[in-house]
PDB file of N, CA and C in Angstrom:
ATOM      1  N   MET A   1      23.240 -54.931  33.019  1.00  0.00           N
ATOM      2  CA  MET A   1      23.504 -54.090  33.337  1.00  0.00           C
ATOM      3  C   MET A   1      23.901 -53.443  31.906  1.00  0.00           C
ATOM      4  N   THR A   2      23.760 -54.286  30.525  1.00  0.00           N
ATOM      5  CA  THR A   2      23.187 -53.190  29.315  1.00  0.00           C
ATOM      6  C   THR A   2      21.905 -53.088  29.179  1.00  0.00           C
ATOM      7  N   HIS A   3      20.999 -53.471  29.825  1.00  0.00           N
ATOM      8  CA  HIS A   3      19.669 -53.220  29.486  1.00  0.00           C
ATOM      9  C   HIS A   3      19.580 -51.468  29.918  1.00  0.00           C
ATOM     10  N   SER A   4      20.029 -51.500  31.069  1.00  0.00           N
ATOM     11  CA  SER A   4      19.893 -50.333  31.711  1.00  0.00           C
ATOM     12  C   SER A   4      20.164 -49.179  30.685  1.00  0.00           C
ATOM     13  N   ASN A   5      21.605 -49.587  30.265  1.00  0.00           N
ATOM     14  CA  ASN A   5      22.628 -48.720  29.456  1.00  0.00           C
ATOM     15  C   ASN A   5      21.783 -48.447  28.128  1.00  0.00           C
ATOM     16  N   ASP A   6      20.743 -49.212  27.655  1.00  0.00           N
ATOM     17  CA  ASP A   6      20.086 -49.238  26.494  1.00  0.00           C
ATOM     18  C   ASP A   6      19.123 -48.363  26.839  1.00  0.00           C
ATOM     19  N   ALA A   7      18.515 -48.027  27.856  1.00  0.00           N
ATOM     20  CA  ALA A   7      17.127 -47.386  28.464  1.00  0.00           C
ATOM     21  C   ALA A   7      17.509 -45.925  28.661  1.00  0.00           C
ATOM     22  N   SER A   8      19.292 -46.001  28.918  1.00  0.00           N
ATOM     23  CA  SER A   8      19.128 -44.332  29.071  1.00  0.00           C
ATOM     24  C   SER A   8      19.788 -43.750  27.841  1.00  0.00           C
ATOM     25  N   ARG A   9      20.554 -44.980  26.692  1.00  0.00           N
ATOM     26  CA  ARG A   9      20.219 -44.385  25.388  1.00  0.00           C
ATOM     27  C   ARG A   9      18.907 -44.055  25.124  1.00  0.00           C
ATOM     28  N   GLY A  10      18.005 -44.604  25.204  1.00  0.00           N
ATOM     29  CA  GLY A  10      16.941 -43.945  24.227  1.00  0.00           C
ATOM     30  C   GLY A  10      16.498 -42.736  24.946  1.00  0.00           C
ATOM     31  N   THR A  11      16.303 -42.768  26.413  1.00  0.00           N
ATOM     32  CA  THR A  11      15.821 -41.588  27.109  1.00  0.00           C
ATOM     33  C   THR A  11      16.691 -40.527  26.244  1.00  0.00           C
ATOM     34  N   ASP A  12      18.389 -40.305  26.311  1.00  0.00           N
ATOM     35  CA  ASP A  12      19.003 -39.558  25.684  1.00  0.00           C
ATOM     36  C   ASP A  12      18.820 -39.281  24.239  1.00  0.00           C
ATOM     37  N   HIS A  13      18.253 -40.376  23.731  1.00  0.00           N
ATOM     38  CA  HIS A  13      17.768 -39.991  22.169  1.00  0.00           C
ATOM     39  C   HIS A  13      16.514 -39.280  21.965  1.00  0.00           C
ATOM     40  N   GLY A  14      15.745 -39.316  23.211  1.00  0.00           N
ATOM     41  CA  GLY A  14      14.407 -38.841  22.883  1.00  0.00           C
ATOM     42  C   GLY A  14      14.365 -37.663  23.566  1.00  0.00           C
ATOM     43  N   ARG A  15      15.429 -37.628  24.244  1.00  0.00           N
ATOM     44  CA  ARG A  15      15.934 -35.537  24.667  1.00  0.00           C
ATOM     45  C   ARG A  15      16.674 -34.624  23.617  1.00  0.00           C
ATOM     46  N   ALA A  16      17.328 -35.490  22.793  1.00  0.00           N
ATOM     47  CA  ALA A  16      18.084 -34.659  21.848  1.00  0.00           C
ATOM     48  C   ALA A  16      17.085 -34.737  20.562  1.00  0.00           C
ATOM     49  N   ALA A  17      16.322 -35.215  20.231  1.00  0.00           N
ATOM     50  CA  ALA A  17      15.360 -35.015  19.365  1.00  0.00           C
ATOM     51  C   ALA A  17      14.326 -34.292  19.748  1.00  0.00           C
ATOM     52  N   ASP A  18      13.723 -33.778  20.864  1.00  0.00           N
ATOM     53  CA  ASP A  18      13.286 -32.938  21.668  1.00  0.00           C
ATOM     54  C   ASP A  18      14.298 -31.898  21.369  1.00  0.00           C
ATOM     55  N   LEU A  19      15.275 -31.544  21.529  1.00  0.00           N
ATOM     56  CA  LEU A  19      16.418 -30.285  21.654  1.00  0.00           C
ATOM     57  C   LEU A  19      16.326 -29.863  20.201  1.00  0.00           C
ATOM     58  N   GLN A  20      16.281 -30.808  19.545  1.00  0.00           N
ATOM     59  CA  GLN A  20      16.476 -30.548  17.949  1.00  0.00           C
ATOM     60  C   GLN A  20      15.379 -29.975  17.536  1.00  0.00           C
ATOM     61  N   ALA A  21      14.216 -30.053  17.959  1.00  0.00           N
ATOM     62  CA  ALA A  21      12.775 -30.180  17.553  1.00  0.00           C
ATOM     63  C   ALA A  21      12.730 -28.709  17.836  1.00  0.00           C
ATOM     64  N   GLU A  22      13.244 -28.018  18.859  1.00  0.00           N
ATOM     65  CA  GLU A  22      12.981 -27.283  19.410  1.00  0.00           C
ATOM     66  C   GLU A  22      13.940 -26.229  18.876  1.00  0.00           C
ATOM     67  N   ILE A  23      15.157 -26.208  18.744  1.00  0.00           N
ATOM     68  CA  ILE A  23      15.766 -25.425  17.202  1.00  0.00           C
ATOM     69  C   ILE A  23      15.862 -25.561  16.323  1.00  0.00           C
ATOM     70  N   ASP A  24      14.791 -26.213  15.813  1.00  0.00           N
ATOM     71  CA  ASP A  24      13.984 -26.258  14.315  1.00  0.00           C
ATOM     72  C   ASP A  24      13.130 -24.983  14.557  1.00  0.00           C
ATOM     73  N   HIS A  25      12.402 -25.302  15.408  1.00  0.00           N
ATOM     74  CA  HIS A  25      10.991 -24.252  15.772  1.00  0.00           C
ATOM     75  C   HIS A  25      11.947 -22.808  15.831  1.00  0.00           C
ATOM     76  N   THR A  26      12.936 -22.636  16.796  1.00  0.00           N
ATOM     77  CA  THR A  26      13.517 -21.338  17.411  1.00  0.00           C
ATOM     78  C   THR A  26      13.651 -20.848  15.973  1.00  0.00           C
ATOM     79  N   ARG A  27      14.939 -21.917  14.915  1.00  0.00           N
ATOM     80  CA  ARG A  27      15.209 -20.972  13.858  1.00  0.00           C
ATOM     81  C   ARG A  27      14.167 -20.739  13.069  1.00  0.00           C
ATOM     82  N   ASP A  28      13.096 -21.284  12.915  1.00  0.00           N
ATOM     83  CA  ASP A  28      12.234 -20.836  12.082  1.00  0.00           C
ATOM     84  C   ASP A  28      11.382 -19.688  12.757  1.00  0.00           C
ATOM     85  N   GLU A  29      11.364 -19.422  13.569  1.00  0.00           N
ATOM     86  CA  GLU A  29      10.686 -18.063  14.322  1.00  0.00           C
ATOM     87  C   GLU A  29      11.656 -17.123  13.993  1.00  0.00           C
ATOM     88  N   LEU A  30      13.154 -16.950  14.100  1.00  0.00           N
ATOM     89  CA  LEU A  30      13.939 -16.404  13.950  1.00  0.00           C
ATOM     90  C   LEU A  30      14.319 -15.996  13.009  1.00  0.00           C
ATOM     91  N   ALA A  31      13.977 -17.180  11.380  1.00  0.00           N
ATOM     92  CA  ALA A  31      14.043 -16.450   9.992  1.00  0.00           C
ATOM     93  C   ALA A  31      12.482 -15.559   9.479  1.00  0.00           C
ATOM     94  N   GLU A  32      11.915 -15.629  10.487  1.00  0.00           N
ATOM     95  CA  GLU A  32      10.737 -15.163   9.945  1.00  0.00           C
ATOM     96  C   GLU A  32      10.494 -13.726  10.613  1.00  0.00           C
ATOM     97  N   THR A  33      11.000 -13.416  11.851  1.00  0.00           N
ATOM     98  CA  THR A  33      11.950 -12.093  11.884  1.00  0.00           C
ATOM     99  C   THR A  33      12.764 -11.711  11.673  1.00  0.00           C
ATOM    100  N   VAL A  34      13.633 -12.562  10.759  1.00  0.00           N
ATOM    101  CA  VAL A  34      14.348 -11.413   9.775  1.00  0.00           C
ATOM    102  C   VAL A  34      14.014 -10.860   8.819  1.00  0.00           C
ATOM    103  N   ASP A  35      12.779 -12.186   7.951  1.00  0.00           N
ATOM    104  CA  ASP A  35      12.027 -11.173   7.221  1.00  0.00           C
ATOM    105  C   ASP A  35      11.551 -10.623   7.043  1.00  0.00           C
ATOM    106  N   GLN A  36      10.704  -9.986   8.614  1.00  0.00           N
ATOM    107  CA  GLN A  36       9.746  -9.008   8.702  1.00  0.00           C
ATOM    108  C   GLN A  36      10.537  -7.545   8.531  1.00  0.00           C
ATOM    109  N   LEU A  37      11.875  -8.219   9.552  1.00  0.00           N
ATOM    110  CA  LEU A  37      12.697  -6.748   9.794  1.00  0.00           C
ATOM    111  C   LEU A  37      13.044  -6.481   8.477  1.00  0.00           C
ATOM    112  N   ALA A  38      13.895  -7.458   7.566  1.00  0.00           N
ATOM    113  CA  ALA A  38      14.115  -6.983   6.569  1.00  0.00           C
ATOM    114  C   ALA A  38      13.661  -6.060   5.370  1.00  0.00           C
ATOM    115  N   ALA A  39      12.242  -6.429   5.392  1.00  0.00           N
ATOM    116  CA  ALA A  39      10.777  -6.115   5.074  1.00  0.00           C
ATOM    117  C   ALA A  39      10.325  -4.352   5.349  1.00  0.00           C
ATOM    118  N   LYS A  40      10.645  -4.402   6.370  1.00  0.00           N
ATOM    119  CA  LYS A  40      10.534  -3.014   7.045  1.00  0.00           C
ATOM    120  C   LYS A  40      11.805  -2.060   6.592  1.00  0.00           C
ATOM    121  N   LEU A  41      13.002  -2.343   6.077  1.00  0.00           N
ATOM    122  CA  LEU A  41      14.177  -1.786   6.082  1.00  0.00           C
ATOM    123  C   LEU A  41      14.209  -1.849   4.481  1.00  0.00           C
ATOM    124  N   ASP A  42      13.108  -2.426   3.836  1.00  0.00           N
ATOM    125  CA  ASP A  42      13.309  -2.109   2.108  1.00  0.00           C
ATOM    126  C   ASP A  42      12.259  -0.943   1.545  1.00  0.00           C
ATOM    127  N   VAL A  43      13.119   0.128   1.585  1.00  0.00           N
ATOM    128  CA  VAL A  43      12.625   1.012   1.429  1.00  0.00           C
ATOM    129  C   VAL A  43      11.932   1.331   0.214  1.00  0.00           C
ATOM    130  N   LYS A  44      12.813   1.036  -0.508  1.00  0.00           N
ATOM    131  CA  LYS A  44      12.281   0.895  -2.287  1.00  0.00           C
ATOM    132  C   LYS A  44      10.903  -0.041  -2.381  1.00  0.00           C
ATOM    133  N   SER A  45      10.948  -1.303  -1.925  1.00  0.00           N
ATOM    134  CA  SER A  45       9.829  -2.241  -1.832  1.00  0.00           C
ATOM    135  C   SER A  45       8.477  -1.426  -1.213  1.00  0.00           C
ATOM    136  N   ARG A  46       8.850  -0.561  -0.017  1.00  0.00           N
ATOM    137  CA  ARG A  46       7.347  -0.244   0.558  1.00  0.00           C
ATOM    138  C   ARG A  46       7.110   0.656  -0.243  1.00  0.00           C
ATOM    139  N   VAL A  47       8.191   1.728  -0.986  1.00  0.00           N
ATOM    140  CA  VAL A  47       7.975   2.942  -1.339  1.00  0.00           C
ATOM    141  C   VAL A  47       7.131   2.294  -2.984  1.00  0.00           C
ATOM    142  N   ARG A  48       7.533   1.397  -3.515  1.00  0.00           N
ATOM    143  CA  ARG A  48       6.701   0.953  -4.377  1.00  0.00           C
ATOM    144  C   ARG A  48       5.757   0.616  -3.648  1.00  0.00           C
ATOM    145  N   ASP A  49       5.075  -0.220  -2.905  1.00  0.00           N
ATOM    146  CA  ASP A  49       3.598  -0.741  -2.678  1.00  0.00           C
ATOM    147  C   ASP A  49       2.964   0.619  -2.533  1.00  0.00           C
ATOM    148  N   GLN A  50       3.399   1.737  -1.472  1.00  0.00           N
ATOM    149  CA  GLN A  50       2.542   2.843  -1.270  1.00  0.00           C
ATOM    150  C   GLN A  50       2.228   3.707  -2.688  1.00  0.00           C
ATOM    151  N   VAL A  51       3.142   3.586  -3.600  1.00  0.00           N
ATOM    152  CA  VAL A  51       2.837   4.636  -4.608  1.00  0.00           C
ATOM    153  C   VAL A  51       1.593   3.609  -5.131  1.00  0.00           C
ATOM    154  N   HIS A  52       1.929   2.609  -5.114  1.00  0.00           N
ATOM    155  CA  HIS A  52       0.746   1.382  -5.988  1.00  0.00           C
ATOM    156  C   HIS A  52      -0.877   1.761  -5.134  1.00  0.00           C
ATOM    157  N   GLN A  53      -0.664   1.613  -4.189  1.00  0.00           N
ATOM    158  CA  GLN A  53      -1.934   1.898  -3.567  1.00  0.00           C
ATOM    159  C   GLN A  53      -2.520   3.410  -3.525  1.00  0.00           C
ATOM    160  N   THR A  54      -1.671   4.639  -3.756  1.00  0.00           N
ATOM    161  CA  THR A  54      -2.102   5.775  -4.160  1.00  0.00           C
ATOM    162  C   THR A  54      -3.082   5.737  -5.256  1.00  0.00           C
ATOM    163  N   THR A  55      -2.106   5.023  -6.204  1.00  0.00           N
ATOM    164  CA  THR A  55      -2.461   5.234  -7.621  1.00  0.00           C
ATOM    165  C   THR A  55      -3.669   4.538  -7.794  1.00  0.00           C
ATOM    166  N   SER A  56      -4.033   3.496  -7.044  1.00  0.00           N
ATOM    167  CA  SER A  56      -4.639   2.871  -7.183  1.00  0.00           C
ATOM    168  C   SER A  56      -6.193   3.768  -6.467  1.00  0.00           C
ATOM    169  N   ALA A  57      -5.760   4.063  -5.386  1.00  0.00           N
ATOM    170  CA  ALA A  57      -7.055   4.848  -4.667  1.00  0.00           C
ATOM    171  C   ALA A  57      -7.442   6.176  -5.918  1.00  0.00           C
ATOM    172  N   ALA A  58      -6.329   6.909  -6.457  1.00  0.00           N
ATOM    173  CA  ALA A  58      -6.781   8.159  -7.564  1.00  0.00           C
ATOM    174  C   ALA A  58      -7.451   7.337  -8.502  1.00  0.00           C
ATOM    175  N   ALA A  59      -7.362   6.276  -8.521  1.00  0.00           N
ATOM    176  CA  ALA A  59      -7.994   5.664  -9.841  1.00  0.00           C
ATOM    177  C   ALA A  59      -9.443   5.521  -9.863  1.00  0.00           C
ATOM    178  N   ARG A  60      -9.543   5.012  -8.317  1.00  0.00           N
ATOM    179  CA  ARG A  60     -10.967   4.757  -7.948  1.00  0.00           C
ATOM    180  C   ARG A  60     -11.588   6.172  -7.592  1.00  0.00           C
ATOM    181  N   HIS A  61     -11.008   7.292  -7.308  1.00  0.00           N
ATOM    182  CA  HIS A  61     -11.663   8.336  -7.073  1.00  0.00           C
ATOM    183  C   HIS A  61     -11.885   9.328  -8.387  1.00  0.00           C
ATOM    184  N   VAL A  62     -11.076   8.877  -9.605  1.00  0.00           N
ATOM    185  CA  VAL A  62     -11.466   9.651 -11.000  1.00  0.00           C
ATOM    186  C   VAL A  62     -12.462   8.934 -11.505  1.00  0.00           C
ATOM    187  N   ARG A  63     -13.012   7.606 -11.304  1.00  0.00           N
ATOM    188  CA  ARG A  63     -13.606   6.786 -11.585  1.00  0.00           C
ATOM    189  C   ARG A  63     -15.126   7.387 -10.944  1.00  0.00           C
ATOM    190  N   SER A  64     -14.853   7.705  -9.328  1.00  0.00           N
ATOM    191  CA  SER A  64     -16.112   7.722  -8.932  1.00  0.00           C
ATOM    192  C   SER A  64     -16.554   9.405  -9.302  1.00  0.00           C
ATOM    193  N   VAL A  65     -15.601  10.107  -9.725  1.00  0.00           N
ATOM    194  CA  VAL A  65     -15.973  11.747  -9.857  1.00  0.00           C
ATOM    195  C   VAL A  65     -16.494  11.397 -11.344  1.00  0.00           C
ATOM    196  N   ARG A  66     -15.729  10.846 -12.113  1.00  0.00           N
ATOM    197  CA  ARG A  66     -16.311  10.553 -13.879  1.00  0.00           C
ATOM    198  C   ARG A  66     -17.809  10.073 -13.681  1.00  0.00           C
ATOM    199  N   ASP A  67     -18.074   9.072 -12.689  1.00  0.00           N
ATOM    200  CA  ASP A  67     -19.318   8.699 -12.884  1.00  0.00           C
ATOM    201  C   ASP A  67     -20.412   9.538 -12.480  1.00  0.00           C
ATOM    202  N   GLY A  68     -20.160  10.506 -11.424  1.00  0.00           N
ATOM    203  CA  GLY A  68     -20.569  11.227 -10.834  1.00  0.00           C
ATOM    204  C   GLY A  68     -20.975  12.348 -11.976  1.00  0.00           C
ATOM    205  N   ALA A  69     -19.930  12.484 -12.633  1.00  0.00           N
ATOM    206  CA  ALA A  69     -20.018  14.113 -13.600  1.00  0.00           C
ATOM    207  C   ALA A  69     -20.891  13.524 -15.169  1.00  0.00           C
ATOM    208  N   THR A  70     -21.093  12.356 -14.914  1.00  0.00           N
ATOM    209  CA  THR A  70     -21.639  11.993 -16.642  1.00  0.00           C
ATOM    210  C   THR A  70     -23.015  11.408 -16.136  1.00  0.00           C
ATOM    211  N   ASP A  71     -23.858  11.029 -17.543  1.00  0.00           N
ATOM    212  CA  ASP A  71     -24.995  10.556 -17.351  1.00  0.00           C
ATOM    213  C   ASP A  71     -24.585   8.514 -17.815  1.00  0.00           C
ATOM    214  N   GLU A  72     -25.671   8.137 -17.987  1.00  0.00           N
ATOM    215  CA  GLU A  72     -25.151   6.662 -18.074  1.00  0.00           C
ATOM    216  C   GLU A  72     -24.777   6.726 -19.760  1.00  0.00           C
ATOM    217  N   HIS A  73     -24.832   7.300 -20.811  1.00  0.00           N
ATOM    218  CA  HIS A  73     -24.244   7.667 -22.115  1.00  0.00           C
ATOM    219  C   HIS A  73     -22.846   8.139 -21.956  1.00  0.00           C
ATOM    220  N   GLY A  74     -22.547   8.562 -20.903  1.00  0.00           N
ATOM    221  CA  GLY A  74     -21.289   9.326 -20.814  1.00  0.00           C
ATOM    222  C   GLY A  74     -21.223  10.614 -21.176  1.00  0.00           C
ATOM    223  N   ARG A  75     -22.265  11.425 -21.272  1.00  0.00           N
ATOM    224  CA  ARG A  75     -22.127  12.887 -21.597  1.00  0.00           C
ATOM    225  C   ARG A  75     -22.649  13.340 -20.326  1.00  0.00           C
ATOM    226  N   PRO A  76     -21.966  14.740 -20.471  1.00  0.00           N
ATOM    227  CA  PRO A  76     -21.566  15.649 -18.920  1.00  0.00           C
ATOM    228  C   PRO A  76     -23.548  15.641 -18.981  1.00  0.00           C
ATOM    229  N   THR A  77     -23.311  15.694 -17.110  1.00  0.00           N
ATOM    230  CA  THR A  77     -24.678  15.979 -16.844  1.00  0.00           C
ATOM    231  C   THR A  77     -24.607  17.222 -16.210  1.00  0.00           C
ATOM    232  N   PRO A  78     -25.865  18.002 -16.290  1.00  0.00           N
ATOM    233  CA  PRO A  78     -26.140  19.513 -16.052  1.00  0.00           C
ATOM    234  C   PRO A  78     -25.599  20.142 -14.787  1.00  0.00           C
ATOM    235  N   ALA A  79     -25.221  19.493 -14.121  1.00  0.00           N
ATOM    236  CA  ALA A  79     -24.244  20.018 -12.939  1.00  0.00           C
ATOM    237  C   ALA A  79     -23.163  20.099 -12.942  1.00  0.00           C
ATOM    238  N   ALA A  80     -22.382  18.900 -13.530  1.00  0.00           N
ATOM    239  CA  ALA A  80     -21.143  19.099 -14.412  1.00  0.00           C
ATOM    240  C   ALA A  80     -20.590  20.025 -15.516  1.00  0.00           C
ATOM    241  N   THR A  81     -21.845  20.340 -16.313  1.00  0.00           N
ATOM    242  CA  THR A  81     -21.935  21.295 -17.355  1.00  0.00           C
ATOM    243  C   THR A  81     -21.379  22.764 -16.635  1.00  0.00           C
ATOM    244  N   SER A  82     -22.622  23.479 -15.347  1.00  0.00           N
ATOM    245  CA  SER A  82     -22.548  24.042 -14.903  1.00  0.00           C
ATOM    246  C   SER A  82     -21.270  24.737 -14.124  1.00  0.00           C
ATOM    247  N   VAL A  83     -20.680  23.275 -13.541  1.00  0.00           N
ATOM    248  CA  VAL A  83     -19.222  23.388 -13.088  1.00  0.00           C
ATOM    249  C   VAL A  83     -18.191  23.997 -14.139  1.00  0.00           C
ATOM    250  N   ALA A  84     -17.747  23.064 -14.972  1.00  0.00           N
ATOM    251  CA  ALA A  84     -17.383  23.561 -16.008  1.00  0.00           C
ATOM    252  C   ALA A  84     -17.417  24.986 -16.691  1.00  0.00           C
ATOM    253  N   ALA A  85     -18.353  25.292 -16.898  1.00  0.00           N
ATOM    254  CA  ALA A  85     -18.457  26.782 -17.049  1.00  0.00           C
ATOM    255  C   ALA A  85     -18.104  27.641 -15.753  1.00  0.00           C
ATOM    256  N   GLY A  86     -18.484  27.463 -14.845  1.00  0.00           N
ATOM    257  CA  GLY A  86     -17.977  28.201 -13.656  1.00  0.00           C
ATOM    258  C   GLY A  86     -16.460  28.580 -13.537  1.00  0.00           C
ATOM    259  N   VAL A  87     -16.146  27.027 -13.656  1.00  0.00           N
ATOM    260  CA  VAL A  87     -14.643  27.201 -13.657  1.00  0.00           C
ATOM    261  C   VAL A  87     -13.903  28.075 -14.835  1.00  0.00           C
ATOM    262  N   ALA A  88     -14.299  27.996 -16.098  1.00  0.00           N
ATOM    263  CA  ALA A  88     -14.021  28.673 -17.377  1.00  0.00           C
ATOM    264  C   ALA A  88     -14.357  30.146 -17.280  1.00  0.00           C
ATOM    265  N   ALA A  89     -15.258  30.323 -16.487  1.00  0.00           N
ATOM    266  CA  ALA A  89     -15.841  32.177 -16.414  1.00  0.00           C
ATOM    267  C   ALA A  89     -14.367  32.443 -15.031  1.00  0.00           C
ATOM    268  N   ALA A  90     -14.400  32.235 -14.576  1.00  0.00           N
ATOM    269  CA  ALA A  90     -13.251  32.491 -13.858  1.00  0.00           C
ATOM    270  C   ALA A  90     -12.071  32.498 -13.865  1.00  0.00           C
ATOM    271  N   ALA A  91     -11.934  31.828 -14.821  1.00  0.00           N
ATOM    272  CA  ALA A  91     -10.243  31.591 -15.756  1.00  0.00           C
ATOM    273  C   ALA A  91     -10.290  32.856 -16.333  1.00  0.00           C
ATOM    274  N   VAL A  92     -11.083  33.190 -17.258  1.00  0.00           N
ATOM    275  CA  VAL A  92     -11.305  34.497 -18.101  1.00  0.00           C
ATOM    276  C   VAL A  92     -11.422  35.427 -17.318  1.00  0.00           C
ATOM    277  N   ALA A  93     -12.144  35.770 -16.174  1.00  0.00           N
ATOM    278  CA  ALA A  93     -12.218  36.715 -15.093  1.00  0.00           C
ATOM    279  C   ALA A  93     -10.450  36.769 -14.843  1.00  0.00           C
ATOM    280  N   ALA A  94      -9.934  35.950 -14.435  1.00  0.00           N
ATOM    281  CA  ALA A  94      -8.495  36.079 -13.857  1.00  0.00           C
ATOM    282  C   ALA A  94      -7.850  36.723 -14.750  1.00  0.00           C
ATOM    283  N   VAL A  95      -7.782  36.258 -15.990  1.00  0.00           N
ATOM    284  CA  VAL A  95      -6.573  36.638 -17.228  1.00  0.00           C
ATOM    285  C   VAL A  95      -7.521  37.699 -17.426  1.00  0.00           C
ATOM    286  N   LEU A  96      -8.658  38.064 -17.643  1.00  0.00           N
ATOM    287  CA  LEU A  96      -8.959  39.966 -17.938  1.00  0.00           C
ATOM    288  C   LEU A  96      -8.239  40.856 -16.461  1.00  0.00           C
ATOM    289  N   VAL A  97      -8.955  40.604 -15.248  1.00  0.00           N
ATOM    290  CA  VAL A  97      -8.255  41.277 -14.367  1.00  0.00           C
ATOM    291  C   VAL A  97      -6.748  41.449 -14.433  1.00  0.00           C
ATOM    292  N   GLY A  98      -5.984  40.387 -14.574  1.00  0.00           N
ATOM    293  CA  GLY A  98      -4.643  40.582 -14.798  1.00  0.00           C
ATOM    294  C   GLY A  98      -4.120  41.209 -15.718  1.00  0.00           C
ATOM    295  N   ALA A  99      -4.272  41.296 -16.788  1.00  0.00           N
ATOM    296  CA  ALA A  99      -4.481  42.078 -18.004  1.00  0.00           C
ATOM    297  C   ALA A  99      -4.698  43.981 -17.561  1.00  0.00           C
ATOM    298  N   TRP A 100      -5.851  43.856 -17.192  1.00  0.00           N
ATOM    299  CA  TRP A 100      -6.335  45.269 -16.737  1.00  0.00           C
ATOM    300  C   TRP A 100      -5.248  46.251 -15.341  1.00  0.00           C
ATOM    301  N   LEU A 101      -4.903  44.788 -14.295  1.00  0.00           N
ATOM    302  CA  LEU A 101      -3.933  45.466 -13.479  1.00  0.00           C
ATOM    303  C   LEU A 101      -2.660  45.630 -14.408  1.00  0.00           C
ATOM    304  N   ARG A 102      -2.199  44.666 -15.235  1.00  0.00           N
ATOM    305  CA  ARG A 102      -0.760  45.450 -15.911  1.00  0.00           C
ATOM    306  C   ARG A 102      -0.635  46.681 -16.958  1.00  0.00           C
ATOM    307  N   ARG A 103      -2.352  46.682 -17.468  1.00  0.00           N
ATOM    308  CA  ARG A 103      -2.111  48.133 -18.362  1.00  0.00           C
ATOM    309  C   ARG A 103      -2.028  49.626 -16.972  1.00  0.00           C
ATOM    310  N   ARG A 104      -2.572  48.970 -15.956  1.00  0.00           N
ATOM    311  CA  ARG A 104      -2.894  50.288 -14.735  1.00  0.00           C
ATOM    312  C   ARG A 104      -1.453  50.627 -14.443  1.00  0.00           C
ATOM    313  N   GLN A 105      -0.300  49.963 -14.738  1.00  0.00           N
ATOM    314  CA  GLN A 105       0.705  50.200 -13.931  1.00  0.00           C
ATOM    315  C   GLN A 105       1.606  50.764 -15.133  1.00  0.00           C
TER     316      GLN A 105
END
């Protein structure tokens, strides 16, 4: 009779160990889910990450534009010089037209 009692204790112990393992696994999954939800709700951190990504993208874009506007020695290319001259001419024209319109009134 004690022999069958020992066998049932072993089975109960095995079930308890299985249940404990399942509880531990569920607890780990729940902790991971809570961490993911907390990360979604951490607006400050998400904004900081977005600012970092945007800043990095802008820096890459600036490097790309600068590389396209300068030669291998860092001097402006003829195309970049033409664009800069066009922008300057447009600015001067805008100032002159504005002054002319103000004088007419």
